[in-house]
Amino acid sequence: MKKLSLLLILGIFAFSFDVSAQTTPTTTAAIDTVAAKAYVGKYKVKEGPFEELIVSIQNGKLFGEAVGQGSAVLAPTKEADIFEVVGYDGKIEFVRNDSKVVVKAKLSIQGNVIESEKQP
């Protein structure tokens, strides 16, 4: 039941994102692509409505794609390793290990947290 309600919420947001993307221009600034490379990769979702999160750099911007659910620009915030998921009213936090290497991502959307581990 929990998974079904989360899928419904994400589906509603995917629809609202499509509508807002058509009416709202994107004004997200380009990021430091050298620093952003630490986030790039595939992340295996532990439990959620999709199995994989893919983070990439396209045209100087960081993107996150929830496989099968859509993609969005990840805009930097004032906090290190935390990005706004543009158009989805969510945030993603990249977690680093003791060696300062990104090993996880935590996607927070609509009060739900979807955790994923970065794949080698």
PDB file of N, CA and C in Angstrom:
ATOM      1  N   MET A   1       0.830  -1.190   0.000  1.00  0.00           N
ATOM      2  CA  MET A   1       0.000   0.000   0.000  1.00  0.00           C
ATOM      3  C   MET A   1       0.871   1.249   0.000  1.00  0.00           C
ATOM      4  N   LYS A   2       1.937   1.210   0.789  1.00  0.00           N
ATOM      5  CA  LYS A   2       2.849   2.340   0.871  1.00  0.00           C
ATOM      6  C   LYS A   2       3.479   2.637  -0.494  1.00  0.00           C
ATOM      7  N   LYS A   3       3.898   1.568  -1.176  1.00  0.00           N
ATOM      8  CA  LYS A   3       4.521   1.730  -2.488  1.00  0.00           C
ATOM      9  C   LYS A   3       3.517   2.283  -3.494  1.00  0.00           C
ATOM     10  N   LEU A   4       2.286   1.823  -3.410  1.00  0.00           N
ATOM     11  CA  LEU A   4       1.252   2.275  -4.330  1.00  0.00           C
ATOM     12  C   LEU A   4       0.974   3.760  -4.141  1.00  0.00           C
ATOM     13  N   SER A   5       0.885   4.214  -2.897  1.00  0.00           N
ATOM     14  CA  SER A   5       0.620   5.634  -2.664  1.00  0.00           C
ATOM     15  C   SER A   5       1.808   6.483  -3.099  1.00  0.00           C
ATOM     16  N   LEU A   6       3.020   5.986  -2.923  1.00  0.00           N
ATOM     17  CA  LEU A   6       4.204   6.715  -3.361  1.00  0.00           C
ATOM     18  C   LEU A   6       4.228   6.810  -4.885  1.00  0.00           C
ATOM     19  N   LEU A   7       3.861   5.726  -5.563  1.00  0.00           N
ATOM     20  CA  LEU A   7       3.789   5.755  -7.032  1.00  0.00           C
ATOM     21  C   LEU A   7       2.753   6.772  -7.500  1.00  0.00           C
ATOM     22  N   LEU A   8       1.628   6.817  -6.827  1.00  0.00           N
ATOM     23  CA  LEU A   8       0.578   7.769  -7.177  1.00  0.00           C
ATOM     24  C   LEU A   8       1.070   9.196  -7.001  1.00  0.00           C
ATOM     25  N   ILE A   9       1.744   9.469  -5.894  1.00  0.00           N
ATOM     26  CA  ILE A   9       2.285  10.812  -5.639  1.00  0.00           C
ATOM     27  C   ILE A   9       3.287  11.191  -6.707  1.00  0.00           C
ATOM     28  N   LEU A  10       4.209  10.276  -7.018  1.00  0.00           N
ATOM     29  CA  LEU A  10       5.217  10.566  -8.033  1.00  0.00           C
ATOM     30  C   LEU A  10       4.584  10.753  -9.412  1.00  0.00           C
ATOM     31  N   GLY A  11       3.536  10.003  -9.701  1.00  0.00           N
ATOM     32  CA  GLY A  11       2.843  10.155 -10.973  1.00  0.00           C
ATOM     33  C   GLY A  11       2.190  11.521 -11.090  1.00  0.00           C
ATOM     34  N   ILE A  12       1.592  11.983 -10.008  1.00  0.00           N
ATOM     35  CA  ILE A  12       0.982  13.307 -10.005  1.00  0.00           C
ATOM     36  C   ILE A  12       2.050  14.376 -10.222  1.00  0.00           C
ATOM     37  N   PHE A  13       3.193  14.205  -9.550  1.00  0.00           N
ATOM     38  CA  PHE A  13       4.271  15.177  -9.710  1.00  0.00           C
ATOM     39  C   PHE A  13       4.860  15.125 -11.111  1.00  0.00           C
ATOM     40  N   ALA A  14       4.939  13.956 -11.697  1.00  0.00           N
ATOM     41  CA  ALA A  14       5.450  13.856 -13.066  1.00  0.00           C
ATOM     42  C   ALA A  14       4.526  14.619 -14.008  1.00  0.00           C
ATOM     43  N   PHE A  15       3.221  14.487 -13.819  1.00  0.00           N
ATOM     44  CA  PHE A  15       2.270  15.210 -14.643  1.00  0.00           C
ATOM     45  C   PHE A  15       2.383  16.708 -14.417  1.00  0.00           C
ATOM     46  N   SER A  16       2.446  17.124 -13.143  1.00  0.00           N
ATOM     47  CA  SER A  16       2.538  18.561 -12.864  1.00  0.00           C
ATOM     48  C   SER A  16       3.859  19.120 -13.353  1.00  0.00           C
ATOM     49  N   PHE A  17       4.914  18.314 -13.356  1.00  0.00           N
ATOM     50  CA  PHE A  17       6.200  18.766 -13.878  1.00  0.00           C
ATOM     51  C   PHE A  17       6.097  19.015 -15.373  1.00  0.00           C
ATOM     52  N   ASP A  18       5.420  18.126 -16.096  1.00  0.00           N
ATOM     53  CA  ASP A  18       5.258  18.305 -17.530  1.00  0.00           C
ATOM     54  C   ASP A  18       4.527  19.610 -17.834  1.00  0.00           C
ATOM     55  N   VAL A  19       3.503  19.913 -17.071  1.00  0.00           N
ATOM     56  CA  VAL A  19       2.740  21.132 -17.283  1.00  0.00           C
ATOM     57  C   VAL A  19       3.589  22.347 -16.937  1.00  0.00           C
ATOM     58  N   SER A  20       4.282  22.324 -15.796  1.00  0.00           N
ATOM     59  CA  SER A  20       5.088  23.482 -15.396  1.00  0.00           C
ATOM     60  C   SER A  20       6.292  23.657 -16.309  1.00  0.00           C
ATOM     61  N   ALA A  21       6.829  22.577 -16.840  1.00  0.00           N
ATOM     62  CA  ALA A  21       7.972  22.680 -17.740  1.00  0.00           C
ATOM     63  C   ALA A  21       7.588  23.405 -19.022  1.00  0.00           C
ATOM     64  N   GLN A  22       6.328  23.312 -19.408  1.00  0.00           N
ATOM     65  CA  GLN A  22       5.872  23.967 -20.617  1.00  0.00           C
ATOM     66  C   GLN A  22       5.619  25.454 -20.394  1.00  0.00           C
ATOM     67  N   THR A  23       5.378  25.853 -19.146  1.00  0.00           N
ATOM     68  CA  THR A  23       5.016  27.237 -18.885  1.00  0.00           C
ATOM     69  C   THR A  23       6.074  28.025 -18.124  1.00  0.00           C
ATOM     70  N   THR A  24       7.029  27.355 -17.487  1.00  0.00           N
ATOM     71  CA  THR A  24       8.020  28.026 -16.668  1.00  0.00           C
ATOM     72  C   THR A  24       9.401  27.874 -17.282  1.00  0.00           C
ATOM     73  N   PRO A  25      10.060  28.984 -17.635  1.00  0.00           N
ATOM     74  CA  PRO A  25      11.401  28.869 -18.196  1.00  0.00           C
ATOM     75  C   PRO A  25      12.399  28.434 -17.125  1.00  0.00           C
ATOM     76  N   THR A  26      13.387  27.648 -17.544  1.00  0.00           N
ATOM     77  CA  THR A  26      14.412  27.194 -16.615  1.00  0.00           C
ATOM     78  C   THR A  26      15.484  28.267 -16.510  1.00  0.00           C
ATOM     79  N   THR A  27      15.786  28.676 -15.267  1.00  0.00           N
ATOM     80  CA  THR A  27      16.788  29.713 -15.051  1.00  0.00           C
ATOM     81  C   THR A  27      17.928  29.198 -14.189  1.00  0.00           C
ATOM     82  N   THR A  28      18.111  27.902 -14.147  1.00  0.00           N
ATOM     83  CA  THR A  28      19.148  27.309 -13.327  1.00  0.00           C
ATOM     84  C   THR A  28      20.513  27.611 -13.923  1.00  0.00           C
ATOM     85  N   ALA A  29      21.394  28.121 -13.095  1.00  0.00           N
ATOM     86  CA  ALA A  29      22.739  28.469 -13.564  1.00  0.00           C
ATOM     87  C   ALA A  29      23.577  27.211 -13.769  1.00  0.00           C
ATOM     88  N   ALA A  30      24.577  27.347 -14.625  1.00  0.00           N
ATOM     89  CA  ALA A  30      25.517  26.246 -14.844  1.00  0.00           C
ATOM     90  C   ALA A  30      26.304  26.003 -13.555  1.00  0.00           C
ATOM     91  N   ILE A  31      26.727  24.767 -13.361  1.00  0.00           N
ATOM     92  CA  ILE A  31      27.473  24.413 -12.155  1.00  0.00           C
ATOM     93  C   ILE A  31      28.936  24.176 -12.495  1.00  0.00           C
ATOM     94  N   ASP A  32      29.744  24.024 -11.475  1.00  0.00           N
ATOM     95  CA  ASP A  32      31.151  23.668 -11.649  1.00  0.00           C
ATOM     96  C   ASP A  32      31.192  22.192 -12.044  1.00  0.00           C
ATOM     97  N   THR A  33      31.377  21.928 -13.333  1.00  0.00           N
ATOM     98  CA  THR A  33      31.297  20.553 -13.819  1.00  0.00           C
ATOM     99  C   THR A  33      32.415  19.668 -13.279  1.00  0.00           C
ATOM    100  N   VAL A  34      33.549  20.260 -12.931  1.00  0.00           N
ATOM    101  CA  VAL A  34      34.644  19.460 -12.348  1.00  0.00           C
ATOM    102  C   VAL A  34      34.211  18.929 -10.981  1.00  0.00           C
ATOM    103  N   ALA A  35      33.660  19.796 -10.140  1.00  0.00           N
ATOM    104  CA  ALA A  35      33.195  19.377  -8.816  1.00  0.00           C
ATOM    105  C   ALA A  35      31.982  18.456  -8.919  1.00  0.00           C
ATOM    106  N   ALA A  36      31.113  18.716  -9.895  1.00  0.00           N
ATOM    107  CA  ALA A  36      29.888  17.933 -10.045  1.00  0.00           C
ATOM    108  C   ALA A  36      30.145  16.504 -10.483  1.00  0.00           C
ATOM    109  N   LYS A  37      31.299  16.235 -11.064  1.00  0.00           N
ATOM    110  CA  LYS A  37      31.605  14.873 -11.504  1.00  0.00           C
ATOM    111  C   LYS A  37      31.583  13.879 -10.352  1.00  0.00           C
ATOM    112  N   ALA A  38      31.772  14.360  -9.123  1.00  0.00           N
ATOM    113  CA  ALA A  38      31.718  13.481  -7.950  1.00  0.00           C
ATOM    114  C   ALA A  38      30.335  12.857  -7.786  1.00  0.00           C
ATOM    115  N   TYR A  39      29.287  13.531  -8.275  1.00  0.00           N
ATOM    116  CA  TYR A  39      27.911  13.051  -8.124  1.00  0.00           C
ATOM    117  C   TYR A  39      27.477  12.141  -9.265  1.00  0.00           C
ATOM    118  N   VAL A  40      28.129  12.249 -10.405  1.00  0.00           N
ATOM    119  CA  VAL A  40      27.720  11.531 -11.612  1.00  0.00           C
ATOM    120  C   VAL A  40      27.834  10.026 -11.422  1.00  0.00           C
ATOM    121  N   GLY A  41      26.805   9.313 -11.860  1.00  0.00           N
ATOM    122  CA  GLY A  41      26.828   7.857 -11.803  1.00  0.00           C
ATOM    123  C   GLY A  41      25.440   7.271 -11.660  1.00  0.00           C
ATOM    124  N   LYS A  42      25.420   5.963 -11.466  1.00  0.00           N
ATOM    125  CA  LYS A  42      24.163   5.238 -11.272  1.00  0.00           C
ATOM    126  C   LYS A  42      24.039   4.887  -9.803  1.00  0.00           C
ATOM    127  N   TYR A  43      22.838   5.052  -9.281  1.00  0.00           N
ATOM    128  CA  TYR A  43      22.550   4.785  -7.881  1.00  0.00           C
ATOM    129  C   TYR A  43      21.437   3.739  -7.811  1.00  0.00           C
ATOM    130  N   LYS A  44      21.674   2.664  -7.104  1.00  0.00           N
ATOM    131  CA  LYS A  44      20.696   1.585  -6.938  1.00  0.00           C
ATOM    132  C   LYS A  44      19.766   1.950  -5.789  1.00  0.00           C
ATOM    133  N   VAL A  45      18.473   2.027  -6.075  1.00  0.00           N
ATOM    134  CA  VAL A  45      17.476   2.397  -5.073  1.00  0.00           C
ATOM    135  C   VAL A  45      17.188   1.191  -4.178  1.00  0.00           C
ATOM    136  N   LYS A  46      17.198   1.431  -2.860  1.00  0.00           N
ATOM    137  CA  LYS A  46      16.933   0.351  -1.905  1.00  0.00           C
ATOM    138  C   LYS A  46      15.466  -0.055  -1.921  1.00  0.00           C
ATOM    139  N   GLU A  47      14.577   0.923  -1.789  1.00  0.00           N
ATOM    140  CA  GLU A  47      13.142   0.638  -1.786  1.00  0.00           C
ATOM    141  C   GLU A  47      12.428   1.875  -2.300  1.00  0.00           C
ATOM    142  N   GLY A  48      11.726   1.726  -3.396  1.00  0.00           N
ATOM    143  CA  GLY A  48      11.036   2.872  -3.963  1.00  0.00           C
ATOM    144  C   GLY A  48      10.288   2.504  -5.223  1.00  0.00           C
ATOM    145  N   PRO A  49       9.673   3.496  -5.851  1.00  0.00           N
ATOM    146  CA  PRO A  49       8.863   3.248  -7.043  1.00  0.00           C
ATOM    147  C   PRO A  49       9.687   3.091  -8.324  1.00  0.00           C
ATOM    148  N   PHE A  50      10.991   3.221  -8.229  1.00  0.00           N
ATOM    149  CA  PHE A  50      11.888   2.991  -9.354  1.00  0.00           C
ATOM    150  C   PHE A  50      13.142   2.307  -8.825  1.00  0.00           C
ATOM    151  N   GLU A  51      13.880   1.645  -9.709  1.00  0.00           N
ATOM    152  CA  GLU A  51      15.025   0.837  -9.276  1.00  0.00           C
ATOM    153  C   GLU A  51      16.353   1.566  -9.314  1.00  0.00           C
ATOM    154  N   GLU A  52      16.434   2.601 -10.158  1.00  0.00           N
ATOM    155  CA  GLU A  52      17.729   3.237 -10.360  1.00  0.00           C
ATOM    156  C   GLU A  52      17.574   4.742 -10.557  1.00  0.00           C
ATOM    157  N   LEU A  53      18.547   5.464 -10.030  1.00  0.00           N
ATOM    158  CA  LEU A  53      18.650   6.903 -10.212  1.00  0.00           C
ATOM    159  C   LEU A  53      19.943   7.158 -10.972  1.00  0.00           C
ATOM    160  N   ILE A  54      19.862   7.904 -12.059  1.00  0.00           N
ATOM    161  CA  ILE A  54      21.053   8.206 -12.849  1.00  0.00           C
ATOM    162  C   ILE A  54      21.319   9.706 -12.761  1.00  0.00           C
ATOM    163  N   VAL A  55      22.543  10.059 -12.366  1.00  0.00           N
ATOM    164  CA  VAL A  55      22.941  11.461 -12.269  1.00  0.00           C
ATOM    165  C   VAL A  55      23.960  11.725 -13.371  1.00  0.00           C
ATOM    166  N   SER A  56      23.711  12.794 -14.137  1.00  0.00           N
ATOM    167  CA  SER A  56      24.593  13.125 -15.259  1.00  0.00           C
ATOM    168  C   SER A  56      24.751  14.641 -15.366  1.00  0.00           C
ATOM    169  N   ILE A  57      25.713  15.037 -16.191  1.00  0.00           N
ATOM    170  CA  ILE A  57      25.905  16.450 -16.499  1.00  0.00           C
ATOM    171  C   ILE A  57      25.547  16.632 -17.968  1.00  0.00           C
ATOM    172  N   GLN A  58      24.641  17.589 -18.228  1.00  0.00           N
ATOM    173  CA  GLN A  58      24.214  17.891 -19.594  1.00  0.00           C
ATOM    174  C   GLN A  58      24.185  19.404 -19.775  1.00  0.00           C
ATOM    175  N   ASN A  59      24.911  19.894 -20.763  1.00  0.00           N
ATOM    176  CA  ASN A  59      24.952  21.334 -21.047  1.00  0.00           C
ATOM    177  C   ASN A  59      25.299  22.169 -19.815  1.00  0.00           C
ATOM    178  N   GLY A  60      26.245  21.676 -19.019  1.00  0.00           N
ATOM    179  CA  GLY A  60      26.700  22.424 -17.857  1.00  0.00           C
ATOM    180  C   GLY A  60      25.777  22.373 -16.659  1.00  0.00           C
ATOM    181  N   LYS A  61      24.760  21.502 -16.698  1.00  0.00           N
ATOM    182  CA  LYS A  61      23.818  21.376 -15.584  1.00  0.00           C
ATOM    183  C   LYS A  61      23.793  19.938 -15.095  1.00  0.00           C
ATOM    184  N   LEU A  62      23.571  19.773 -13.808  1.00  0.00           N
ATOM    185  CA  LEU A  62      23.453  18.449 -13.207  1.00  0.00           C
ATOM    186  C   LEU A  62      22.007  17.989 -13.350  1.00  0.00           C
ATOM    187  N   PHE A  63      21.821  16.768 -13.831  1.00  0.00           N
ATOM    188  CA  PHE A  63      20.489  16.188 -14.013  1.00  0.00           C
ATOM    189  C   PHE A  63      20.357  14.908 -13.205  1.00  0.00           C
ATOM    190  N   GLY A  64      19.160  14.655 -12.710  1.00  0.00           N
ATOM    191  CA  GLY A  64      18.842  13.400 -12.066  1.00  0.00           C
ATOM    192  C   GLY A  64      17.699  12.748 -12.807  1.00  0.00           C
ATOM    193  N   GLU A  65      17.832  11.459 -13.082  1.00  0.00           N
ATOM    194  CA  GLU A  65      16.764  10.723 -13.768  1.00  0.00           C
ATOM    195  C   GLU A  65      16.357   9.534 -12.927  1.00  0.00           C
ATOM    196  N   ALA A  66      15.116   9.527 -12.500  1.00  0.00           N
ATOM    197  CA  ALA A  66      14.533   8.369 -11.839  1.00  0.00           C
ATOM    198  C   ALA A  66      14.052   7.482 -12.979  1.00  0.00           C
ATOM    199  N   VAL A  67      14.767   6.396 -13.225  1.00  0.00           N
ATOM    200  CA  VAL A  67      14.510   5.565 -14.405  1.00  0.00           C
ATOM    201  C   VAL A  67      13.038   5.156 -14.457  1.00  0.00           C
ATOM    202  N   GLY A  68      12.415   5.479 -15.574  1.00  0.00           N
ATOM    203  CA  GLY A  68      11.007   5.164 -15.777  1.00  0.00           C
ATOM    204  C   GLY A  68      10.057   6.211 -15.218  1.00  0.00           C
ATOM    205  N   GLN A  69      10.594   7.226 -14.536  1.00  0.00           N
ATOM    206  CA  GLN A  69       9.740   8.235 -13.914  1.00  0.00           C
ATOM    207  C   GLN A  69       9.966   9.635 -14.470  1.00  0.00           C
ATOM    208  N   GLY A  70      11.108   9.885 -15.106  1.00  0.00           N
ATOM    209  CA  GLY A  70      11.407  11.209 -15.642  1.00  0.00           C
ATOM    210  C   GLY A  70      12.707  11.751 -15.090  1.00  0.00           C
ATOM    211  N   SER A  71      13.082  12.934 -15.586  1.00  0.00           N
ATOM    212  CA  SER A  71      14.331  13.549 -15.144  1.00  0.00           C
ATOM    213  C   SER A  71      14.093  15.008 -14.803  1.00  0.00           C
ATOM    214  N   ALA A  72      15.066  15.588 -14.086  1.00  0.00           N
ATOM    215  CA  ALA A  72      14.954  16.990 -13.686  1.00  0.00           C
ATOM    216  C   ALA A  72      16.339  17.556 -13.456  1.00  0.00           C
ATOM    217  N   VAL A  73      16.429  18.863 -13.574  1.00  0.00           N
ATOM    218  CA  VAL A  73      17.660  19.568 -13.244  1.00  0.00           C
ATOM    219  C   VAL A  73      17.845  19.515 -11.739  1.00  0.00           C
ATOM    220  N   LEU A  74      19.088  19.310 -11.310  1.00  0.00           N
ATOM    221  CA  LEU A  74      19.425  19.357  -9.892  1.00  0.00           C
ATOM    222  C   LEU A  74      20.168  20.666  -9.653  1.00  0.00           C
ATOM    223  N   ALA A  75      19.506  21.617  -9.018  1.00  0.00           N
ATOM    224  CA  ALA A  75      20.060  22.955  -8.808  1.00  0.00           C
ATOM    225  C   ALA A  75      20.757  23.033  -7.454  1.00  0.00           C
ATOM    226  N   PRO A  76      21.972  23.576  -7.428  1.00  0.00           N
ATOM    227  CA  PRO A  76      22.689  23.676  -6.156  1.00  0.00           C
ATOM    228  C   PRO A  76      21.956  24.568  -5.163  1.00  0.00           C
ATOM    229  N   THR A  77      22.118  24.248  -3.888  1.00  0.00           N
ATOM    230  CA  THR A  77      21.593  25.074  -2.809  1.00  0.00           C
ATOM    231  C   THR A  77      22.789  25.669  -2.069  1.00  0.00           C
ATOM    232  N   LYS A  78      22.529  26.386  -1.018  1.00  0.00           N
ATOM    233  CA  LYS A  78      23.612  26.974  -0.229  1.00  0.00           C
ATOM    234  C   LYS A  78      24.354  25.921   0.591  1.00  0.00           C
ATOM    235  N   GLU A  79      23.729  24.757   0.756  1.00  0.00           N
ATOM    236  CA  GLU A  79      24.338  23.675   1.529  1.00  0.00           C
ATOM    237  C   GLU A  79      25.121  22.745   0.605  1.00  0.00           C
ATOM    238  N   ALA A  80      26.316  22.377   1.056  1.00  0.00           N
ATOM    239  CA  ALA A  80      27.154  21.468   0.264  1.00  0.00           C
ATOM    240  C   ALA A  80      26.459  20.127   0.084  1.00  0.00           C
ATOM    241  N   ASP A  81      26.547  19.572  -1.113  1.00  0.00           N
ATOM    242  CA  ASP A  81      26.028  18.243  -1.446  1.00  0.00           C
ATOM    243  C   ASP A  81      24.502  18.128  -1.413  1.00  0.00           C
ATOM    244  N   ILE A  82      23.797  19.246  -1.339  1.00  0.00           N
ATOM    245  CA  ILE A  82      22.330  19.223  -1.360  1.00  0.00           C
ATOM    246  C   ILE A  82      21.856  20.045  -2.550  1.00  0.00           C
ATOM    247  N   PHE A  83      20.948  19.444  -3.348  1.00  0.00           N
ATOM    248  CA  PHE A  83      20.447  20.066  -4.561  1.00  0.00           C
ATOM    249  C   PHE A  83      18.928  20.061  -4.561  1.00  0.00           C
ATOM    250  N   GLU A  84      18.350  21.084  -5.165  1.00  0.00           N
ATOM    251  CA  GLU A  84      16.906  21.144  -5.367  1.00  0.00           C
ATOM    252  C   GLU A  84      16.573  20.354  -6.623  1.00  0.00           C
ATOM    253  N   VAL A  85      15.518  19.557  -6.570  1.00  0.00           N
ATOM    254  CA  VAL A  85      15.031  18.833  -7.741  1.00  0.00           C
ATOM    255  C   VAL A  85      14.010  19.756  -8.409  1.00  0.00           C
ATOM    256  N   VAL A  86      14.460  20.475  -9.418  1.00  0.00           N
ATOM    257  CA  VAL A  86      13.660  21.520 -10.060  1.00  0.00           C
ATOM    258  C   VAL A  86      12.401  20.928 -10.697  1.00  0.00           C
ATOM    259  N   GLY A  87      11.260  21.519 -10.351  1.00  0.00           N
ATOM    260  CA  GLY A  87       9.986  21.096 -10.912  1.00  0.00           C
ATOM    261  C   GLY A  87       9.287  20.009 -10.120  1.00  0.00           C
ATOM    262  N   TYR A  88       9.972  19.412  -9.149  1.00  0.00           N
ATOM    263  CA  TYR A  88       9.365  18.332  -8.366  1.00  0.00           C
ATOM    264  C   TYR A  88       9.218  18.691  -6.899  1.00  0.00           C
ATOM    265  N   ASP A  89       9.614  19.909  -6.510  1.00  0.00           N
ATOM    266  CA  ASP A  89       9.531  20.345  -5.122  1.00  0.00           C
ATOM    267  C   ASP A  89      10.190  19.327  -4.194  1.00  0.00           C
ATOM    268  N   GLY A  90      11.393  18.910  -4.563  1.00  0.00           N
ATOM    269  CA  GLY A  90      12.124  17.946  -3.758  1.00  0.00           C
ATOM    270  C   GLY A  90      13.575  18.352  -3.622  1.00  0.00           C
ATOM    271  N   LYS A  91      14.286  17.588  -2.828  1.00  0.00           N
ATOM    272  CA  LYS A  91      15.716  17.804  -2.633  1.00  0.00           C
ATOM    273  C   LYS A  91      16.428  16.466  -2.716  1.00  0.00           C
ATOM    274  N   ILE A  92      17.689  16.540  -3.131  1.00  0.00           N
ATOM    275  CA  ILE A  92      18.525  15.346  -3.125  1.00  0.00           C
ATOM    276  C   ILE A  92      19.809  15.691  -2.386  1.00  0.00           C
ATOM    277  N   GLU A  93      20.172  14.817  -1.465  1.00  0.00           N
ATOM    278  CA  GLU A  93      21.399  14.989  -0.692  1.00  0.00           C
ATOM    279  C   GLU A  93      22.349  13.861  -1.058  1.00  0.00           C
ATOM    280  N   PHE A  94      23.567  14.235  -1.436  1.00  0.00           N
ATOM    281  CA  PHE A  94      24.594  13.248  -1.727  1.00  0.00           C
ATOM    282  C   PHE A  94      25.415  13.051  -0.458  1.00  0.00           C
ATOM    283  N   VAL A  95      25.590  11.784  -0.078  1.00  0.00           N
ATOM    284  CA  VAL A  95      26.280  11.442   1.164  1.00  0.00           C
ATOM    285  C   VAL A  95      27.679  10.949   0.834  1.00  0.00           C
ATOM    286  N   ARG A  96      28.646  11.462   1.570  1.00  0.00           N
ATOM    287  CA  ARG A  96      30.047  11.079   1.362  1.00  0.00           C
ATOM    288  C   ARG A  96      30.522  10.183   2.501  1.00  0.00           C
ATOM    289  N   ASN A  97      31.510   9.332   2.197  1.00  0.00           N
ATOM    290  CA  ASN A  97      32.118   8.480   3.228  1.00  0.00           C
ATOM    291  C   ASN A  97      33.257   9.252   3.902  1.00  0.00           C
ATOM    292  N   ASP A  98      34.002   8.586   4.775  1.00  0.00           N
ATOM    293  CA  ASP A  98      35.100   9.230   5.499  1.00  0.00           C
ATOM    294  C   ASP A  98      36.193   9.743   4.569  1.00  0.00           C
ATOM    295  N   SER A  99      36.302   9.153   3.393  1.00  0.00           N
ATOM    296  CA  SER A  99      37.302   9.580   2.407  1.00  0.00           C
ATOM    297  C   SER A  99      36.778  10.692   1.497  1.00  0.00           C
ATOM    298  N   LYS A 100      35.588  11.227   1.812  1.00  0.00           N
ATOM    299  CA  LYS A 100      34.957  12.316   1.057  1.00  0.00           C
ATOM    300  C   LYS A 100      34.499  11.905  -0.348  1.00  0.00           C
ATOM    301  N   VAL A 101      34.263  10.609  -0.537  1.00  0.00           N
ATOM    302  CA  VAL A 101      33.770  10.083  -1.809  1.00  0.00           C
ATOM    303  C   VAL A 101      32.253   9.918  -1.700  1.00  0.00           C
ATOM    304  N   VAL A 102      31.521  10.363  -2.739  1.00  0.00           N
ATOM    305  CA  VAL A 102      30.059  10.218  -2.741  1.00  0.00           C
ATOM    306  C   VAL A 102      29.710   8.737  -2.860  1.00  0.00           C
ATOM    307  N   VAL A 103      28.918   8.237  -1.895  1.00  0.00           N
ATOM    308  CA  VAL A 103      28.555   6.819  -1.875  1.00  0.00           C
ATOM    309  C   VAL A 103      27.041   6.578  -1.868  1.00  0.00           C
ATOM    310  N   LYS A 104      26.254   7.612  -1.563  1.00  0.00           N
ATOM    311  CA  LYS A 104      24.802   7.456  -1.476  1.00  0.00           C
ATOM    312  C   LYS A 104      24.114   8.734  -1.935  1.00  0.00           C
ATOM    313  N   ALA A 105      22.836   8.584  -2.232  1.00  0.00           N
ATOM    314  CA  ALA A 105      21.973   9.729  -2.514  1.00  0.00           C
ATOM    315  C   ALA A 105      20.665   9.517  -1.773  1.00  0.00           C
ATOM    316  N   LYS A 106      20.157  10.595  -1.175  1.00  0.00           N
ATOM    317  CA  LYS A 106      18.870  10.558  -0.488  1.00  0.00           C
ATOM    318  C   LYS A 106      17.949  11.562  -1.161  1.00  0.00           C
ATOM    319  N   LEU A 107      16.922  11.050  -1.828  1.00  0.00           N
ATOM    320  CA  LEU A 107      15.947  11.875  -2.507  1.00  0.00           C
ATOM    321  C   LEU A 107      14.767  12.091  -1.570  1.00  0.00           C
ATOM    322  N   SER A 108      14.475  13.346  -1.264  1.00  0.00           N
ATOM    323  CA  SER A 108      13.345  13.694  -0.396  1.00  0.00           C
ATOM    324  C   SER A 108      12.291  14.390  -1.233  1.00  0.00           C
ATOM    325  N   ILE A 109      11.110  13.776  -1.286  1.00  0.00           N
ATOM    326  CA  ILE A 109      10.021  14.348  -2.074  1.00  0.00           C
ATOM    327  C   ILE A 109       8.695  14.017  -1.394  1.00  0.00           C
ATOM    328  N   GLN A 110       7.880  15.039  -1.162  1.00  0.00           N
ATOM    329  CA  GLN A 110       6.568  14.870  -0.537  1.00  0.00           C
ATOM    330  C   GLN A 110       6.626  14.119   0.789  1.00  0.00           C
ATOM    331  N   GLY A 111       7.614  14.413   1.610  1.00  0.00           N
ATOM    332  CA  GLY A 111       7.725  13.777   2.916  1.00  0.00           C
ATOM    333  C   GLY A 111       8.283  12.368   2.873  1.00  0.00           C
ATOM    334  N   ASN A 112       8.595  11.857   1.705  1.00  0.00           N
ATOM    335  CA  ASN A 112       9.190  10.525   1.569  1.00  0.00           C
ATOM    336  C   ASN A 112      10.670  10.663   1.272  1.00  0.00           C
ATOM    337  N   VAL A 113      11.464   9.740   1.805  1.00  0.00           N
ATOM    338  CA  VAL A 113      12.899   9.712   1.540  1.00  0.00           C
ATOM    339  C   VAL A 113      13.215   8.410   0.825  1.00  0.00           C
ATOM    340  N   ILE A 114      13.819   8.532  -0.354  1.00  0.00           N
ATOM    341  CA  ILE A 114      14.201   7.368  -1.145  1.00  0.00           C
ATOM    342  C   ILE A 114      15.729   7.318  -1.155  1.00  0.00           C
ATOM    343  N   GLU A 115      16.284   6.280  -0.536  1.00  0.00           N
ATOM    344  CA  GLU A 115      17.735   6.159  -0.436  1.00  0.00           C
ATOM    345  C   GLU A 115      18.274   5.256  -1.532  1.00  0.00           C
ATOM    346  N   SER A 116      19.482   5.593  -1.975  1.00  0.00           N
ATOM    347  CA  SER A 116      20.116   4.781  -3.020  1.00  0.00           C
ATOM    348  C   SER A 116      21.629   4.768  -2.806  1.00  0.00           C
ATOM    349  N   GLU A 117      22.259   3.689  -3.280  1.00  0.00           N
ATOM    350  CA  GLU A 117      23.708   3.547  -3.152  1.00  0.00           C
ATOM    351  C   GLU A 117      24.355   3.680  -4.515  1.00  0.00           C
ATOM    352  N   LYS A 118      25.451   4.437  -4.549  1.00  0.00           N
ATOM    353  CA  LYS A 118      26.172   4.652  -5.806  1.00  0.00           C
ATOM    354  C   LYS A 118      26.853   3.361  -6.218  1.00  0.00           C
ATOM    355  N   GLN A 119      26.700   3.025  -7.492  1.00  0.00           N
ATOM    356  CA  GLN A 119      27.286   1.802  -8.038  1.00  0.00           C
ATOM    357  C   GLN A 119      28.698   2.109  -8.552  1.00  0.00           C
ATOM    358  N   PRO A 120      29.590   1.128  -8.424  1.00  0.00           N
ATOM    359  CA  PRO A 120      30.973   1.354  -8.887  1.00  0.00           C
ATOM    360  C   PRO A 120      31.072   1.488 -10.400  1.00  0.00           C
TER     361      PRO A 120
END
